[in-house]
Amino acid sequence: MPMRIAVIGAGSWGTTVAHLCAKNVPTTLWARRDDIATEVRDTHVNTTYLSGYTLTPSLHATASLSEAVSGADVLVMGVPSHGMRQAARDLAGFLRPWVPVVSLAKGLEEGSRLRMTQVLAEELPGHPCGVLTGPNLAKEILGGDAAASVIAMEDPVIAQSLQGVFASDLFRVYTNPDVVGCELAGALKNVMAIASGMADGLGTGDNTRSAVITRGLSELTRLGCAMGGQQATFAGLAGMGDLIATCISPHSRNRYVGEQLGRGRAIEPIIAEMNMVAEGVKTSRVVMELAAEHDVDLPIAESVFMVVHEGALAAEAYRGLLGRNVSSEMHGMPQV
């Protein structure tokens, strides 16, 4: 019998991952809204989140959690970080024992400051948990552009068995045992993408954007390593790869938020007009709490936090960054 996949969450990325899986194995996409499930199942499109793109006809969709989850051999969680815990609780009674669970979310839980695999481990004990992450912009993948990703699981046998579930000719999937580093890189890069977008909104050039991305990589590496991630992970697909894509792509929600902030808009109307979540907004608060806990200096993340949560103007934040004392480029980096 082929492996059966359930993907929970019919946003742009959850739908795209379900589309990829359905080309390889029987896959069911769960949508909270019945009209989206019906549209995906019957007409093979998701006009709410992926207008203009056609999905593989073999992809099944439902608004019933029981139908989606009860027969699954692998569970893929494609819901935002703020809804991950409740979604896991809602489906726990339908999930068979020992089924691997893969998170697609790139955020941290407010309050607990937990990574998504930690949240899933609390709500779904006994299930091996991992993450699929990397420079994966949904519309580019559906458009046929080549891309690569990382499946991070502590158990290498499970990770290797899942490679073939997600992979295609144009979507390469690598394994990485560093779950901590992969998850933190995915969450922290969203904060740096807001900073990159702020630079764009302020009308700065490519030199500035390059500096923001490079120093942003340094910041997420410092905090990630302090929290147990491996330095090499942050130079790979889950770190630098995802950071570059999210900081420069016009499809990036977090970069868009930063760009609008750079143009002088307030955060509330920017978020209100979006139909998808920009994880970096909430994550920026959690990141600063973690930085204080681990005594790590994150000037770019701090500037984003000040603009998003404390009403500072993007221009003021950038002036503050430029006024900081300059130290060694490798200051605070783990020594190999």
Protein backbone atom coordinates (compact mmCIF):
# COMPACT_ATOMS: atom_id res chain seq x y z
CA MET A 1 0.00 0.00 0.00
CA PRO A 2 1.36 3.47 -0.83
CA MET A 3 1.93 5.96 1.94
CA ARG A 4 -1.12 8.19 2.55
CA ILE A 5 -0.58 11.86 3.34
CA ALA A 6 -2.82 14.36 5.12
CA VAL A 7 -1.99 18.05 4.79
CA ILE A 8 -3.72 20.30 7.32
CA GLY A 9 -4.21 23.86 6.10
CA ALA A 10 -5.14 25.07 2.61
CA GLY A 11 -3.16 28.29 2.51
CA SER A 12 -0.71 28.92 -0.31
CA TRP A 13 2.12 26.75 1.03
CA GLY A 14 -0.02 23.99 2.50
CA THR A 15 -1.85 23.66 -0.82
CA THR A 16 1.41 23.66 -2.77
CA VAL A 17 2.93 20.93 -0.59
CA ALA A 18 -0.25 18.87 -0.94
CA HIS A 19 -0.02 19.35 -4.72
CA LEU A 20 3.57 18.06 -4.68
CA CYS A 21 2.71 15.07 -2.49
CA ALA A 22 -0.31 14.14 -4.59
CA LYS A 23 1.96 13.58 -7.58
CA ASN A 24 3.72 10.80 -5.63
CA VAL A 25 1.25 9.28 -3.16
CA PRO A 26 -2.46 9.52 -2.22
CA THR A 27 -2.89 12.91 -0.52
CA THR A 28 -5.78 14.67 1.19
CA LEU A 29 -5.77 18.40 1.87
CA TRP A 30 -7.86 19.65 4.78
CA ALA A 31 -9.38 23.12 4.44
CA ARG A 32 -11.18 24.89 7.25
CA ARG A 33 -13.63 26.34 4.71
CA ASP A 34 -15.85 23.91 2.84
CA ASP A 35 -15.93 26.10 -0.28
CA ILE A 36 -12.14 25.90 -0.61
CA ALA A 37 -12.17 22.12 -0.12
CA THR A 38 -14.88 21.74 -2.74
CA GLU A 39 -13.04 23.97 -5.20
CA VAL A 40 -9.75 22.10 -4.81
CA ARG A 41 -11.44 18.70 -5.06
CA ASP A 42 -13.77 19.43 -7.96
CA THR A 43 -12.03 22.06 -10.09
CA HIS A 44 -8.38 21.64 -9.00
CA VAL A 45 -7.79 25.28 -8.11
CA ASN A 46 -7.54 27.36 -4.93
CA THR A 47 -8.56 30.83 -6.05
CA THR A 48 -8.47 32.24 -2.51
CA TYR A 49 -4.74 31.74 -2.06
CA LEU A 50 -3.34 30.63 -5.43
CA SER A 51 -5.39 32.29 -8.11
CA GLY A 52 -4.25 31.41 -11.62
CA TYR A 53 -2.56 28.10 -10.75
CA THR A 54 -3.84 24.59 -11.50
CA LEU A 55 -3.44 21.77 -8.97
CA THR A 56 -2.88 18.12 -9.76
CA PRO A 57 -6.25 16.37 -10.30
CA SER A 58 -5.29 13.49 -7.99
CA LEU A 59 -5.28 15.82 -4.95
CA HIS A 60 -8.30 15.14 -2.74
CA ALA A 61 -9.64 17.82 -0.39
CA THR A 62 -12.10 17.86 2.50
CA ALA A 63 -13.35 20.08 5.30
CA SER A 64 -13.63 17.06 7.62
CA LEU A 65 -10.67 16.56 9.97
CA SER A 66 -11.70 12.97 10.61
CA GLU A 67 -11.73 12.14 6.91
CA ALA A 68 -8.37 13.81 6.33
CA VAL A 69 -6.47 12.45 9.33
CA SER A 70 -7.85 9.06 10.33
CA GLY A 71 -6.22 7.10 7.51
CA ALA A 72 -3.00 9.12 7.24
CA ASP A 73 0.45 7.54 7.40
CA VAL A 74 2.10 11.00 7.49
CA LEU A 75 0.60 14.20 8.85
CA VAL A 76 1.75 17.55 7.41
CA MET A 77 0.82 20.65 9.42
CA GLY A 78 0.43 23.63 7.11
CA VAL A 79 -1.19 26.05 9.56
CA PRO A 80 0.43 29.26 10.89
CA SER A 81 2.36 29.14 14.13
CA HIS A 82 -0.34 30.91 16.16
CA GLY A 83 -2.87 28.20 15.22
CA MET A 84 -0.58 25.16 15.45
CA ARG A 85 -1.39 24.10 19.01
CA GLN A 86 -5.16 24.30 18.61
CA ALA A 87 -5.06 22.51 15.25
CA ALA A 88 -3.04 19.69 16.80
CA ARG A 89 -5.51 19.41 19.67
CA ASP A 90 -8.45 19.33 17.28
CA LEU A 91 -7.07 16.42 15.26
CA ALA A 92 -5.35 14.42 18.00
CA GLY A 93 -8.28 12.07 18.47
CA PHE A 94 -8.28 11.06 14.80
CA LEU A 95 -4.53 10.41 14.40
CA ARG A 96 -3.26 6.82 14.54
CA PRO A 97 -0.27 6.05 16.85
CA TRP A 98 3.31 6.73 15.75
CA VAL A 99 2.40 8.63 12.58
CA PRO A 100 5.21 11.10 11.71
CA VAL A 101 4.24 14.78 11.82
CA VAL A 102 5.92 17.41 9.61
CA SER A 103 5.52 21.14 10.27
CA LEU A 104 5.54 23.70 7.46
CA ALA A 105 5.24 26.73 9.77
CA LYS A 106 8.10 29.22 10.11
CA GLY A 107 7.36 30.89 13.40
CA LEU A 108 7.61 30.60 17.18
CA GLU A 109 4.75 30.34 19.67
CA GLU A 110 4.09 33.51 21.61
CA GLY A 111 4.20 33.08 25.37
CA SER A 112 5.90 29.68 25.47
CA ARG A 113 8.56 30.72 22.89
CA LEU A 114 8.52 27.13 21.63
CA ARG A 115 9.41 25.91 18.16
CA MET A 116 6.59 24.24 16.24
CA THR A 117 7.97 20.71 16.64
CA GLN A 118 8.06 21.31 20.40
CA VAL A 119 4.42 22.43 20.32
CA LEU A 120 3.49 19.35 18.29
CA ALA A 121 5.42 17.06 20.64
CA GLU A 122 3.41 18.43 23.56
CA GLU A 123 0.06 18.01 21.85
CA LEU A 124 0.81 14.80 19.91
CA PRO A 125 3.11 12.77 22.19
CA GLY A 126 4.60 9.62 20.71
CA HIS A 127 4.70 11.01 17.17
CA PRO A 128 8.11 11.76 15.60
CA CYS A 129 8.10 15.43 14.61
CA GLY A 130 10.09 17.28 11.96
CA VAL A 131 10.01 20.24 9.64
CA LEU A 132 10.07 20.87 5.88
CA THR A 133 11.78 24.19 5.26
CA GLY A 134 13.89 26.14 2.80
CA PRO A 135 13.66 28.80 0.07
CA ASN A 136 10.22 27.70 -1.09
CA LEU A 137 7.95 30.38 -2.52
CA ALA A 138 4.69 28.66 -3.34
CA LYS A 139 3.80 30.44 -6.58
CA GLU A 140 7.23 29.89 -8.11
CA ILE A 141 7.04 26.17 -7.39
CA LEU A 142 3.54 25.89 -8.85
CA GLY A 143 4.79 27.89 -11.83
CA GLY A 144 7.35 25.18 -12.57
CA ASP A 145 10.53 26.81 -11.30
CA ALA A 146 13.17 24.55 -9.78
CA ALA A 147 13.57 24.69 -5.99
CA ALA A 148 15.16 22.82 -3.11
CA SER A 149 14.11 22.15 0.46
CA VAL A 150 15.20 20.35 3.63
CA ILE A 151 13.34 17.72 5.63
CA ALA A 152 14.70 17.86 9.17
CA MET A 153 14.01 14.91 11.45
CA GLU A 154 16.04 13.48 14.32
CA ASP A 155 15.50 9.98 12.92
CA PRO A 156 17.42 9.72 9.61
CA VAL A 157 15.44 6.68 8.48
CA ILE A 158 12.15 8.59 8.69
CA ALA A 159 13.69 11.62 7.00
CA GLN A 160 14.96 9.53 4.09
CA SER A 161 11.60 7.79 3.68
CA LEU A 162 9.89 11.19 3.46
CA GLN A 163 12.22 12.59 0.80
CA GLY A 164 10.38 10.75 -1.95
CA VAL A 165 6.99 11.90 -0.66
CA PHE A 166 7.73 15.59 -1.23
CA ALA A 167 10.29 15.50 -4.07
CA SER A 168 9.76 15.91 -7.80
CA ASP A 169 11.99 16.46 -10.83
CA LEU A 170 12.08 20.21 -10.09
CA PHE A 171 11.75 20.07 -6.29
CA ARG A 172 14.80 18.55 -4.61
CA VAL A 173 14.55 17.54 -0.96
CA TYR A 174 17.61 17.10 1.24
CA THR A 175 17.76 15.70 4.78
CA ASN A 176 19.21 17.39 7.86
CA PRO A 177 19.21 16.02 11.43
CA ASP A 178 19.42 19.54 12.91
CA VAL A 179 15.73 20.14 13.64
CA VAL A 180 16.52 22.98 16.07
CA GLY A 181 18.67 24.89 13.59
CA CYS A 182 16.31 24.40 10.66
CA GLU A 183 13.28 25.59 12.60
CA LEU A 184 15.01 28.60 14.12
CA ALA A 185 16.45 29.64 10.78
CA GLY A 186 13.00 29.52 9.19
CA ALA A 187 11.47 31.62 11.97
CA LEU A 188 14.23 34.19 12.34
CA LYS A 189 14.65 34.87 8.62
CA ASN A 190 11.11 36.28 8.52
CA VAL A 191 12.15 39.03 10.91
CA MET A 192 15.15 39.84 8.72
CA ALA A 193 12.89 39.91 5.66
CA ILE A 194 10.84 42.66 7.29
CA ALA A 195 14.09 44.61 7.76
CA SER A 196 15.03 44.05 4.12
CA GLY A 197 11.61 45.23 3.03
CA MET A 198 11.95 48.33 5.20
CA ALA A 199 15.17 49.15 3.34
CA ASP A 200 13.35 48.79 0.02
CA GLY A 201 10.49 50.97 1.22
CA LEU A 202 12.94 53.66 2.28
CA GLY A 203 14.39 53.68 -1.23
CA THR A 204 17.84 52.40 -0.35
CA GLY A 205 19.96 50.55 -2.91
CA ASP A 206 21.31 47.06 -3.38
CA ASN A 207 24.33 47.77 -1.17
CA THR A 208 22.05 48.39 1.78
CA ARG A 209 19.92 45.34 1.09
CA SER A 210 23.04 43.18 0.79
CA ALA A 211 24.31 44.48 4.12
CA VAL A 212 20.96 43.82 5.81
CA ILE A 213 20.80 40.26 4.48
CA THR A 214 24.41 39.47 5.39
CA ARG A 215 24.25 40.94 8.88
CA GLY A 216 20.82 39.36 9.29
CA LEU A 217 22.37 35.99 8.59
CA SER A 218 24.93 36.72 11.28
CA GLU A 219 22.18 37.52 13.77
CA LEU A 220 20.10 34.42 13.14
CA THR A 221 23.25 32.28 13.27
CA ARG A 222 24.30 33.74 16.64
CA LEU A 223 20.92 33.17 18.25
CA GLY A 224 20.35 29.84 16.53
CA CYS A 225 23.66 28.44 17.72
CA ALA A 226 23.08 29.79 21.24
CA MET A 227 19.83 27.81 21.29
CA GLY A 228 21.40 24.56 20.11
CA GLY A 229 21.42 24.78 16.33
CA GLN A 230 24.43 23.77 14.25
CA GLN A 231 26.34 26.57 12.55
CA ALA A 232 26.48 24.78 9.18
CA THR A 233 22.67 24.70 9.04
CA PHE A 234 22.49 28.49 8.89
CA ALA A 235 24.75 28.55 5.82
CA GLY A 236 22.49 26.06 4.01
CA LEU A 237 19.04 25.95 2.45
CA ALA A 238 17.15 26.42 5.73
CA GLY A 239 19.29 29.43 6.65
CA MET A 240 20.98 31.49 3.98
CA GLY A 241 18.90 30.02 1.15
CA ASP A 242 15.56 30.84 2.75
CA LEU A 243 16.83 34.21 3.99
CA ILE A 244 17.84 35.37 0.51
CA ALA A 245 14.59 34.27 -1.12
CA THR A 246 12.41 35.86 1.55
CA CYS A 247 14.36 39.11 1.63
CA ILE A 248 14.34 39.76 -2.12
CA SER A 249 11.20 38.16 -3.54
CA PRO A 250 8.15 40.25 -4.44
CA HIS A 251 6.11 37.18 -3.38
CA SER A 252 7.42 37.40 0.21
CA ARG A 253 4.74 38.48 2.68
CA ASN A 254 7.27 39.55 5.30
CA ARG A 255 9.27 41.62 2.83
CA TYR A 256 6.02 43.27 1.74
CA VAL A 257 5.19 44.21 5.33
CA GLY A 258 8.63 45.76 5.74
CA GLU A 259 8.34 47.65 2.47
CA GLN A 260 5.03 49.18 3.52
CA LEU A 261 6.50 50.13 6.90
CA GLY A 262 9.42 51.75 5.10
CA ARG A 263 6.93 53.87 3.17
CA GLY A 264 5.59 55.23 6.43
CA ARG A 265 2.45 53.14 6.88
CA ALA A 266 1.36 51.79 10.27
CA ILE A 267 1.45 48.05 10.94
CA GLU A 268 -2.29 47.61 11.67
CA PRO A 269 -3.69 48.50 8.23
CA ILE A 270 -0.90 46.56 6.51
CA ILE A 271 -1.86 43.37 8.35
CA ALA A 272 -5.59 44.03 7.94
CA GLU A 273 -5.36 44.09 4.14
CA MET A 274 -3.47 40.78 3.89
CA ASN A 275 -5.28 37.45 3.52
CA MET A 276 -2.21 35.45 4.57
CA VAL A 277 -0.03 35.56 7.67
CA ALA A 278 3.33 37.35 7.82
CA GLU A 279 4.97 35.26 10.54
CA GLY A 280 7.78 37.74 11.19
CA VAL A 281 5.45 40.27 12.82
CA LYS A 282 4.68 38.14 15.88
CA THR A 283 8.00 36.32 15.77
CA SER A 284 9.91 39.59 16.21
CA ARG A 285 8.62 39.89 19.77
CA VAL A 286 9.51 36.29 20.64
CA VAL A 287 12.97 36.69 19.09
CA MET A 288 13.78 39.64 21.32
CA GLU A 289 12.67 37.67 24.38
CA LEU A 290 14.93 34.80 23.34
CA ALA A 291 17.82 37.19 22.66
CA ALA A 292 17.56 38.54 26.19
CA GLU A 293 17.34 35.03 27.64
CA HIS A 294 20.47 33.89 25.78
CA ASP A 295 22.34 37.22 26.02
CA VAL A 296 22.67 37.62 22.24
CA ASP A 297 22.85 41.03 20.57
CA LEU A 298 20.43 41.33 17.62
CA PRO A 299 20.41 44.96 16.44
CA ILE A 300 18.49 44.35 13.20
CA ALA A 301 15.83 42.24 14.92
CA GLU A 302 15.59 44.88 17.64
CA SER A 303 14.99 47.58 15.04
CA VAL A 304 12.20 45.53 13.45
CA PHE A 305 10.64 44.99 16.87
CA MET A 306 10.75 48.73 17.61
CA VAL A 307 8.96 49.56 14.34
CA VAL A 308 6.39 46.74 14.46
CA HIS A 309 5.51 46.77 18.15
CA GLU A 310 6.57 50.12 19.61
CA GLY A 311 5.62 52.59 16.91
CA ALA A 312 9.09 53.65 15.79
CA LEU A 313 9.46 54.87 12.22
CA ALA A 314 11.50 52.78 9.80
CA ALA A 315 13.74 55.76 9.01
CA GLU A 316 14.46 56.21 12.72
CA ALA A 317 15.28 52.53 13.10
CA TYR A 318 17.78 52.66 10.26
CA ARG A 319 19.44 55.77 11.65
CA GLY A 320 19.80 53.89 14.93
CA LEU A 321 21.47 50.97 13.18
CA LEU A 322 23.92 53.25 11.40
CA GLY A 323 24.80 54.95 14.67
CA ARG A 324 25.84 51.75 16.47
CA ASN A 325 29.47 51.09 17.32
CA VAL A 326 31.18 48.81 14.82
CA SER A 327 33.04 45.75 16.11
CA SER A 328 34.65 42.73 14.48
CA GLU A 329 32.52 41.18 11.71
CA MET A 330 32.78 37.83 13.52
CA HIS A 331 31.84 39.28 16.94
CA GLY A 332 29.59 36.89 18.84
CA MET A 333 29.84 34.13 16.25
CA PRO A 334 30.57 30.59 17.51
CA GLN A 335 34.20 29.62 17.13
CA VAL A 336 34.89 26.47 15.13
